[in-house]
Amino acid sequence: MGPAARRGPKTRAYTEADDAIDFRANPERYRIGKGEQGVFHVRPYKDELLPLWRFRTPEIARASAGALWERFLAYRAAADFVGMDMARKTIQMG
C-alpha cells in the first residue's frame, strides 16, 4: 500500500453546499482548511474580500494588499476570527 492510499481519499474543507451558510452568524460551522481553502465559499466574507483582491500589476497588488489588511484589522477589532482567517487567506493568495 502506497503513501497516498494510507492517507485516505482527498477531502475538501468546503463545497458549493456551504455557499448558503452565513458564517458570520454561524462561526461554529467554520472549518479551518489547508492553505487557502474556503476563500471562494465562505460567505459573507467571500463577498466582502474578493472585490478587494487584485494583482494585475505590482501597484494594484500593493493597493489590494493594503485594503485587505485594513479589512483584517477591522475583523480583529470586532473579534471576528473567521473574518480574520479569510482575510489572511486572501492576502496569502497574492
C-alpha atoms as a PDB file:
ATOM      1  CA  MET A   1       0.000   0.000   0.000  1.00  0.00           C
ATOM      2  CA  GLY A   2       1.477   3.366  -1.057  1.00  0.00           C
ATOM      3  CA  PRO A   3       1.543   6.586   0.980  1.00  0.00           C
ATOM      4  CA  ALA A   4      -1.462   8.065  -0.842  1.00  0.00           C
ATOM      5  CA  ALA A   5      -3.604   5.033  -0.017  1.00  0.00           C
ATOM      6  CA  ARG A   6      -2.671   5.264   3.672  1.00  0.00           C
ATOM      7  CA  ARG A   7      -3.757   8.910   3.830  1.00  0.00           C
ATOM      8  CA  GLY A   8      -7.215   8.088   2.525  1.00  0.00           C
ATOM      9  CA  PRO A   9      -9.283   9.949  -0.024  1.00  0.00           C
ATOM     10  CA  LYS A  10      -8.771  13.671  -0.547  1.00  0.00           C
ATOM     11  CA  THR A  11     -11.456  15.776   1.050  1.00  0.00           C
ATOM     12  CA  ARG A  12     -12.271  19.423   0.546  1.00  0.00           C
ATOM     13  CA  ALA A  13     -12.957  21.633   3.519  1.00  0.00           C
ATOM     14  CA  TYR A  14     -15.720  23.485   1.649  1.00  0.00           C
ATOM     15  CA  THR A  15     -18.105  22.682  -1.171  1.00  0.00           C
ATOM     16  CA  GLU A  16     -20.819  24.523  -3.041  1.00  0.00           C
ATOM     17  CA  ALA A  17     -23.281  23.333  -0.372  1.00  0.00           C
ATOM     18  CA  ASP A  18     -21.505  25.623   2.105  1.00  0.00           C
ATOM     19  CA  ASP A  19     -22.260  28.682  -0.040  1.00  0.00           C
ATOM     20  CA  ALA A  20     -25.671  29.050   1.637  1.00  0.00           C
ATOM     21  CA  ILE A  21     -24.238  29.252   5.184  1.00  0.00           C
ATOM     22  CA  ASP A  22     -23.770  32.668   6.783  1.00  0.00           C
ATOM     23  CA  PHE A  23     -20.518  32.048   8.647  1.00  0.00           C
ATOM     24  CA  ARG A  24     -20.696  35.390  10.470  1.00  0.00           C
ATOM     25  CA  ALA A  25     -23.969  34.276  12.041  1.00  0.00           C
ATOM     26  CA  ASN A  26     -22.706  30.683  12.443  1.00  0.00           C
ATOM     27  CA  PRO A  27     -18.951  30.856  13.154  1.00  0.00           C
ATOM     28  CA  GLU A  28     -19.042  27.459  14.863  1.00  0.00           C
ATOM     29  CA  ARG A  29     -19.596  25.891  11.417  1.00  0.00           C
ATOM     30  CA  TYR A  30     -16.309  27.307  10.088  1.00  0.00           C
ATOM     31  CA  ARG A  31     -13.662  24.681   9.347  1.00  0.00           C
ATOM     32  CA  ILE A  32     -10.033  25.668   9.044  1.00  0.00           C
ATOM     33  CA  GLY A  33      -8.783  24.077   5.834  1.00  0.00           C
ATOM     34  CA  LYS A  34      -5.316  23.677   4.393  1.00  0.00           C
ATOM     35  CA  GLY A  35      -3.853  26.677   2.632  1.00  0.00           C
ATOM     36  CA  GLU A  36      -6.458  28.976   1.182  1.00  0.00           C
ATOM     37  CA  GLN A  37      -9.404  26.568   1.267  1.00  0.00           C
ATOM     38  CA  GLY A  38     -12.752  28.249   1.679  1.00  0.00           C
ATOM     39  CA  VAL A  39     -11.872  31.618   0.151  1.00  0.00           C
ATOM     40  CA  PHE A  40     -14.400  31.121  -2.648  1.00  0.00           C
ATOM     41  CA  HIS A  41     -17.145  29.593  -0.469  1.00  0.00           C
ATOM     42  CA  VAL A  42     -17.266  31.238   2.977  1.00  0.00           C
ATOM     43  CA  ARG A  43     -19.974  33.908   2.996  1.00  0.00           C
ATOM     44  CA  PRO A  44     -20.327  36.782   3.750  1.00  0.00           C
ATOM     45  CA  TYR A  45     -16.540  37.156   3.780  1.00  0.00           C
ATOM     46  CA  LYS A  46     -16.182  35.982   0.193  1.00  0.00           C
ATOM     47  CA  ASP A  47     -18.456  38.819  -0.916  1.00  0.00           C
ATOM     48  CA  GLU A  48     -16.556  41.381   1.177  1.00  0.00           C
ATOM     49  CA  LEU A  49     -12.986  40.344   0.378  1.00  0.00           C
ATOM     50  CA  LEU A  50     -12.875  39.102  -3.206  1.00  0.00           C
ATOM     51  CA  PRO A  51     -13.780  42.526  -4.698  1.00  0.00           C
ATOM     52  CA  LEU A  52     -10.645  43.885  -2.950  1.00  0.00           C
ATOM     53  CA  TRP A  53      -8.369  41.126  -4.309  1.00  0.00           C
ATOM     54  CA  ARG A  54      -6.458  42.465  -7.317  1.00  0.00           C
ATOM     55  CA  PHE A  55      -2.987  41.608  -8.591  1.00  0.00           C
ATOM     56  CA  ARG A  56      -2.677  42.613 -12.265  1.00  0.00           C
ATOM     57  CA  THR A  57       0.326  44.897 -11.625  1.00  0.00           C
ATOM     58  CA  PRO A  58       2.622  45.355  -8.619  1.00  0.00           C
ATOM     59  CA  GLU A  59       0.994  48.724  -7.856  1.00  0.00           C
ATOM     60  CA  ILE A  60      -2.509  47.261  -7.970  1.00  0.00           C
ATOM     61  CA  ALA A  61      -1.372  44.322  -5.819  1.00  0.00           C
ATOM     62  CA  ARG A  62       0.101  46.670  -3.183  1.00  0.00           C
ATOM     63  CA  ALA A  63      -3.112  48.697  -3.026  1.00  0.00           C
ATOM     64  CA  SER A  64      -5.122  45.470  -2.801  1.00  0.00           C
ATOM     65  CA  ALA A  65      -2.923  44.115  -0.009  1.00  0.00           C
ATOM     66  CA  GLY A  66      -3.396  47.368   1.909  1.00  0.00           C
ATOM     67  CA  ALA A  67      -7.176  47.227   1.552  1.00  0.00           C
ATOM     68  CA  LEU A  68      -7.243  43.573   2.606  1.00  0.00           C
ATOM     69  CA  TRP A  69      -5.001  44.321   5.607  1.00  0.00           C
ATOM     70  CA  GLU A  70      -7.375  47.104   6.691  1.00  0.00           C
ATOM     71  CA  ARG A  71     -10.261  44.641   6.461  1.00  0.00           C
ATOM     72  CA  PHE A  72      -8.228  42.137   8.547  1.00  0.00           C
ATOM     73  CA  LEU A  73      -7.720  44.801  11.222  1.00  0.00           C
ATOM     74  CA  ALA A  74     -11.438  45.629  11.211  1.00  0.00           C
ATOM     75  CA  TYR A  75     -12.297  41.955  11.700  1.00  0.00           C
ATOM     76  CA  ARG A  76      -9.745  41.773  14.537  1.00  0.00           C
ATOM     77  CA  ALA A  77     -11.265  44.841  16.217  1.00  0.00           C
ATOM     78  CA  ALA A  78     -14.647  43.094  16.030  1.00  0.00           C
ATOM     79  CA  ALA A  79     -13.149  39.842  17.438  1.00  0.00           C
ATOM     80  CA  ASP A  80     -14.258  38.115  14.211  1.00  0.00           C
ATOM     81  CA  PHE A  81     -11.889  35.146  13.922  1.00  0.00           C
ATOM     82  CA  VAL A  82     -13.482  33.771  10.759  1.00  0.00           C
ATOM     83  CA  GLY A  83     -13.172  37.146   9.038  1.00  0.00           C
ATOM     84  CA  MET A  84      -9.556  37.456  10.142  1.00  0.00           C
ATOM     85  CA  ASP A  85      -8.720  33.998   8.814  1.00  0.00           C
ATOM     86  CA  MET A  86     -10.451  34.629   5.493  1.00  0.00           C
ATOM     87  CA  ALA A  87      -8.666  37.988   5.082  1.00  0.00           C
ATOM     88  CA  ARG A  88      -5.338  36.293   5.856  1.00  0.00           C
ATOM     89  CA  LYS A  89      -6.015  33.589   3.279  1.00  0.00           C
ATOM     90  CA  THR A  90      -6.963  36.159   0.639  1.00  0.00           C
ATOM     91  CA  ILE A  91      -3.770  38.136   1.305  1.00  0.00           C
ATOM     92  CA  GLN A  92      -1.692  34.947   1.054  1.00  0.00           C
ATOM     93  CA  MET A  93      -3.150  34.148  -2.361  1.00  0.00           C
ATOM     94  CA  GLY A  94      -1.225  37.154  -3.678  1.00  0.00           C
END
